[in-house]
């Protein structure tokens, strides 16, 4: 009787099987977007096992992208270790080079790996790399300022910022942005929505009502360059 009680107690405590822990750490670290992992624990409950792990992701990731990394981690563990019935993944930003925020943990849902979710989507790393490659084909882009990948409603959405020559007309900048969006849609077909923001290195106060770029400041700059300093008083002023 005492032996059965002892076995039951051991089954409800954390396992310190070094080989299994190392296997878990290898599976988790191989998931795209996982910077590192720690506090990996394996708890046995009869024939089943529960895994609890903490992963670090890039501190600039959106919440939805970080959740997608956690979900892909959960699915990867359950796929490789059939005896595991539940995986709890706690996500913290990678603060090793930046200590401006506190660590907070979140848990992934407990759906089975075969359920339809976001785990089947590509990682944000792969999507961002493909988006940047696609934008290299748009020669008018001086620099890709940022690429943000979001996972919303089971789909991949991309927000990116591009820098253009500040001597361009607004209509030209808009056409380049449309070309960039089309290039992403064609070359990265798993992206369902693309938003392209334009930076012309000028200041716009929004008098024109356009959202495509700094129209007022750019048109004034072009006029000043052609007519000289006499138009300085015509510069657009910020709204009160």
Protein backbone atom coordinates (compact mmCIF):
# COMPACT_ATOMS: atom_id res chain seq x y z
CA UNK A 1 0.00 0.00 0.00
CA UNK A 2 2.78 2.43 0.88
CA UNK A 3 4.49 1.69 -2.43
CA UNK A 4 1.31 2.50 -4.41
CA UNK A 5 0.92 5.79 -2.52
CA UNK A 6 4.55 6.68 -3.23
CA UNK A 7 4.10 5.98 -6.97
CA UNK A 8 0.97 8.16 -7.01
CA UNK A 9 2.82 11.02 -5.32
CA UNK A 10 5.68 10.77 -7.82
CA UNK A 11 3.20 10.86 -10.74
CA UNK A 12 1.80 14.17 -9.48
CA UNK A 13 5.17 15.88 -9.11
CA UNK A 14 7.48 17.45 -11.66
CA UNK A 15 9.67 15.00 -13.56
CA UNK A 16 13.41 15.61 -13.62
CA UNK A 17 14.16 13.21 -16.48
CA UNK A 18 17.11 15.01 -18.06
CA UNK A 19 16.69 13.37 -21.46
CA UNK A 20 13.03 14.33 -21.75
CA UNK A 21 13.68 17.90 -20.62
CA UNK A 22 16.47 18.25 -23.16
CA UNK A 23 14.18 16.85 -25.85
CA UNK A 24 11.51 19.39 -24.92
CA UNK A 25 13.98 22.27 -24.97
CA UNK A 26 15.20 21.20 -28.42
CA UNK A 27 11.65 21.08 -29.80
CA UNK A 28 10.78 24.48 -28.34
CA UNK A 29 13.97 26.23 -29.51
CA UNK A 30 13.38 24.97 -33.06
CA UNK A 31 10.10 26.90 -33.32
CA UNK A 32 10.45 30.04 -35.42
CA UNK A 33 10.24 33.18 -33.32
CA UNK A 34 11.41 31.58 -30.06
CA UNK A 35 14.51 33.43 -28.88
CA UNK A 36 15.12 31.13 -25.90
CA UNK A 37 13.30 28.98 -23.37
CA UNK A 38 13.64 28.22 -19.68
CA UNK A 39 11.75 26.79 -16.72
CA UNK A 40 10.74 23.78 -18.81
CA UNK A 41 8.89 21.29 -16.60
CA UNK A 42 7.24 17.94 -17.29
CA UNK A 43 4.54 16.70 -14.93
CA UNK A 44 3.19 13.15 -15.19
CA UNK A 45 -0.38 12.27 -14.28
CA UNK A 46 -0.78 8.54 -14.82
CA UNK A 47 -0.24 7.73 -18.52
CA UNK A 48 -0.45 11.42 -19.49
CA UNK A 49 2.03 14.28 -19.19
CA UNK A 50 1.69 18.04 -18.87
CA UNK A 51 4.40 20.42 -20.07
CA UNK A 52 4.95 23.89 -18.63
CA UNK A 53 7.51 26.16 -20.31
CA UNK A 54 8.49 29.80 -20.57
CA UNK A 55 9.65 31.20 -23.92
CA UNK A 56 11.20 34.53 -24.83
CA UNK A 57 10.22 36.32 -28.03
CA UNK A 58 11.39 39.53 -29.71
CA UNK A 59 10.37 42.53 -27.65
CA UNK A 60 8.99 44.39 -30.70
CA UNK A 61 6.52 41.65 -31.63
CA UNK A 62 2.83 42.45 -31.60
CA UNK A 63 0.71 40.61 -29.06
CA UNK A 64 -0.98 38.56 -31.78
CA UNK A 65 2.39 37.54 -33.29
CA UNK A 66 3.69 36.49 -29.86
CA UNK A 67 0.52 34.46 -29.30
CA UNK A 68 1.06 32.74 -32.63
CA UNK A 69 4.60 31.76 -31.60
CA UNK A 70 3.19 30.30 -28.36
CA UNK A 71 0.54 28.37 -30.27
CA UNK A 72 3.09 26.94 -32.71
CA UNK A 73 5.25 25.95 -29.73
CA UNK A 74 2.36 24.11 -28.10
CA UNK A 75 1.51 22.25 -31.31
CA UNK A 76 5.14 21.33 -31.97
CA UNK A 77 5.53 19.74 -28.52
CA UNK A 78 2.30 17.76 -28.79
CA UNK A 79 3.21 16.59 -32.29
CA UNK A 80 6.66 15.33 -31.29
CA UNK A 81 5.74 13.89 -27.89
CA UNK A 82 2.52 11.89 -28.17
CA UNK A 83 2.31 11.24 -24.44
CA UNK A 84 1.89 14.97 -23.76
CA UNK A 85 -1.78 15.92 -23.42
CA UNK A 86 -1.46 19.57 -22.41
CA UNK A 87 1.14 22.30 -22.92
CA UNK A 88 1.20 25.61 -21.05
CA UNK A 89 3.37 28.21 -22.75
CA UNK A 90 4.22 31.43 -20.92
CA UNK A 91 5.48 34.24 -23.15
CA UNK A 92 7.85 36.99 -22.06
CA UNK A 93 9.62 39.61 -24.18
CA UNK A 94 13.35 39.20 -24.63
CA UNK A 95 14.67 41.85 -22.23
CA UNK A 96 18.29 40.71 -22.10
CA UNK A 97 19.39 43.78 -24.08
CA UNK A 98 16.60 46.09 -22.93
CA UNK A 99 15.12 46.35 -19.45
CA UNK A 100 12.46 48.98 -19.99
CA UNK A 101 9.46 46.70 -19.38
CA UNK A 102 8.43 44.11 -16.84
CA UNK A 103 7.90 40.47 -17.67
CA UNK A 104 4.35 39.22 -17.99
CA UNK A 105 3.20 35.72 -18.87
CA UNK A 106 0.32 34.48 -21.00
CA UNK A 107 -0.90 30.99 -21.68
CA UNK A 108 -1.89 29.45 -24.97
CA UNK A 109 -5.32 27.80 -25.31
CA UNK A 110 -5.67 24.06 -24.81
CA UNK A 111 -7.06 23.07 -28.21
CA UNK A 112 -5.83 19.88 -29.84
CA UNK A 113 -3.10 20.31 -32.48
CA UNK A 114 -5.38 19.14 -35.27
CA UNK A 115 -7.90 21.91 -34.56
CA UNK A 116 -8.12 24.73 -37.09
CA UNK A 117 -6.17 27.67 -35.63
CA UNK A 118 -3.18 29.91 -36.26
CA UNK A 119 -0.51 27.26 -35.71
CA UNK A 120 -0.61 26.26 -39.40
CA UNK A 121 0.36 29.78 -40.51
CA UNK A 122 3.98 30.62 -41.21
CA UNK A 123 6.04 32.35 -38.54
CA UNK A 124 6.36 36.13 -38.53
CA UNK A 125 10.08 35.74 -39.29
CA UNK A 126 9.40 33.96 -42.58
CA UNK A 127 6.63 36.38 -43.57
CA UNK A 128 8.74 39.47 -42.82
CA UNK A 129 11.70 38.11 -44.80
CA UNK A 130 9.49 37.44 -47.82
CA UNK A 131 7.87 40.88 -47.59
CA UNK A 132 11.27 42.60 -47.52
CA UNK A 133 12.41 40.53 -50.52
CA UNK A 134 9.26 41.50 -52.43
CA UNK A 135 9.79 45.20 -51.72
CA UNK A 136 13.31 45.00 -53.15
CA UNK A 137 11.63 44.76 -56.56
CA UNK A 138 10.16 48.26 -56.16
CA UNK A 139 13.15 50.38 -57.17
CA UNK A 140 11.65 53.69 -56.03
CA UNK A 141 11.72 52.60 -52.37
CA UNK A 142 14.75 54.08 -50.63
CA UNK A 143 14.38 52.08 -47.43
CA UNK A 144 11.95 49.69 -45.76
CA UNK A 145 11.47 51.27 -42.35
CA UNK A 146 9.51 48.50 -40.66
CA UNK A 147 7.45 45.39 -41.30
CA UNK A 148 4.87 44.36 -38.69
CA UNK A 149 3.14 40.99 -38.97
CA UNK A 150 -0.21 40.43 -37.26
CA UNK A 151 -2.28 37.28 -36.89
CA UNK A 152 -5.93 38.28 -36.73
CA UNK A 153 -9.00 36.12 -37.31
CA UNK A 154 -6.83 33.24 -38.49
CA UNK A 155 -5.14 35.28 -41.22
CA UNK A 156 -1.80 36.98 -41.80
CA UNK A 157 -1.85 40.77 -42.06
CA UNK A 158 1.14 43.00 -42.79
CA UNK A 159 1.81 46.65 -42.00
CA UNK A 160 4.97 48.17 -43.44
CA UNK A 161 6.54 51.60 -43.76
CA UNK A 162 8.58 52.71 -46.75
CA UNK A 163 10.78 55.74 -47.28
CA UNK A 164 10.61 57.57 -50.62
CA UNK A 165 12.35 60.52 -52.22
CA UNK A 166 10.87 63.71 -50.76
CA UNK A 167 10.86 65.43 -54.17
CA UNK A 168 8.10 63.14 -55.42
CA UNK A 169 4.61 64.40 -56.10
CA UNK A 170 1.93 62.97 -53.87
CA UNK A 171 0.29 61.09 -56.74
CA UNK A 172 3.66 59.51 -57.55
CA UNK A 173 4.14 58.40 -53.94
CA UNK A 174 0.66 56.88 -53.90
CA UNK A 175 1.40 54.93 -57.09
CA UNK A 176 4.61 53.57 -55.59
CA UNK A 177 2.75 52.50 -52.44
CA UNK A 178 0.18 50.70 -54.60
CA UNK A 179 2.98 48.99 -56.52
CA UNK A 180 4.54 47.90 -53.22
CA UNK A 181 1.24 46.52 -51.97
CA UNK A 182 0.65 44.62 -55.22
CA UNK A 183 4.18 43.21 -55.13
CA UNK A 184 3.61 41.85 -51.62
CA UNK A 185 0.21 40.40 -52.53
CA UNK A 186 1.70 38.58 -55.54
CA UNK A 187 4.99 37.40 -54.02
CA UNK A 188 3.63 36.59 -50.53
CA UNK A 189 0.23 35.02 -51.24
CA UNK A 190 -0.48 33.89 -47.68
CA UNK A 191 -0.77 37.54 -46.62
CA UNK A 192 -4.45 38.47 -46.66
CA UNK A 193 -4.14 42.23 -46.05
CA UNK A 194 -1.37 44.75 -46.69
CA UNK A 195 -1.13 48.32 -45.40
CA UNK A 196 1.70 50.50 -46.71
CA UNK A 197 2.64 53.76 -44.96
CA UNK A 198 4.73 56.39 -46.75
CA UNK A 199 7.46 58.55 -45.22
CA UNK A 200 8.71 61.46 -47.31
CA UNK A 201 10.92 62.93 -44.56
CA UNK A 202 8.71 66.00 -44.29
CA UNK A 203 6.12 67.27 -41.82
CA UNK A 204 2.41 67.29 -42.63
CA UNK A 205 -0.24 68.99 -40.51
CA UNK A 206 -3.19 67.37 -42.27
CA UNK A 207 -4.85 70.43 -43.84
CA UNK A 208 -5.32 68.65 -47.16
CA UNK A 209 -7.26 65.79 -45.58
CA UNK A 210 -5.20 63.16 -47.40
CA UNK A 211 -3.72 60.15 -45.64
CA UNK A 212 -1.29 59.04 -48.32
CA UNK A 213 1.64 61.19 -47.18
CA UNK A 214 2.77 64.70 -46.18
CA UNK A 215 1.04 66.44 -49.09
CA UNK A 216 0.97 69.98 -47.73
CA UNK A 217 4.59 70.18 -46.67
CA UNK A 218 5.82 68.48 -49.85
CA UNK A 219 3.87 70.76 -52.21
CA UNK A 220 5.14 73.80 -50.32
CA UNK A 221 8.73 72.54 -50.53
CA UNK A 222 8.45 72.06 -54.30
CA UNK A 223 6.98 75.54 -54.72
CA UNK A 224 9.74 77.08 -52.58
CA UNK A 225 12.45 75.26 -54.51
CA UNK A 226 11.12 76.67 -57.79
CA UNK A 227 10.15 80.22 -56.69
CA UNK A 228 12.66 80.97 -53.98
CA UNK A 229 12.29 82.19 -50.41
CA UNK A 230 9.45 84.65 -51.23
CA UNK A 231 6.88 81.94 -50.56
CA UNK A 232 8.02 81.35 -46.98
CA UNK A 233 4.96 83.11 -45.54
CA UNK A 234 2.73 80.64 -47.39
CA UNK A 235 4.04 77.69 -45.37
CA UNK A 236 1.19 75.61 -43.89
CA UNK A 237 0.71 76.23 -40.20
CA UNK A 238 -0.33 73.63 -37.62
CA UNK A 239 -4.00 73.60 -36.71
CA UNK A 240 -4.71 75.15 -33.30
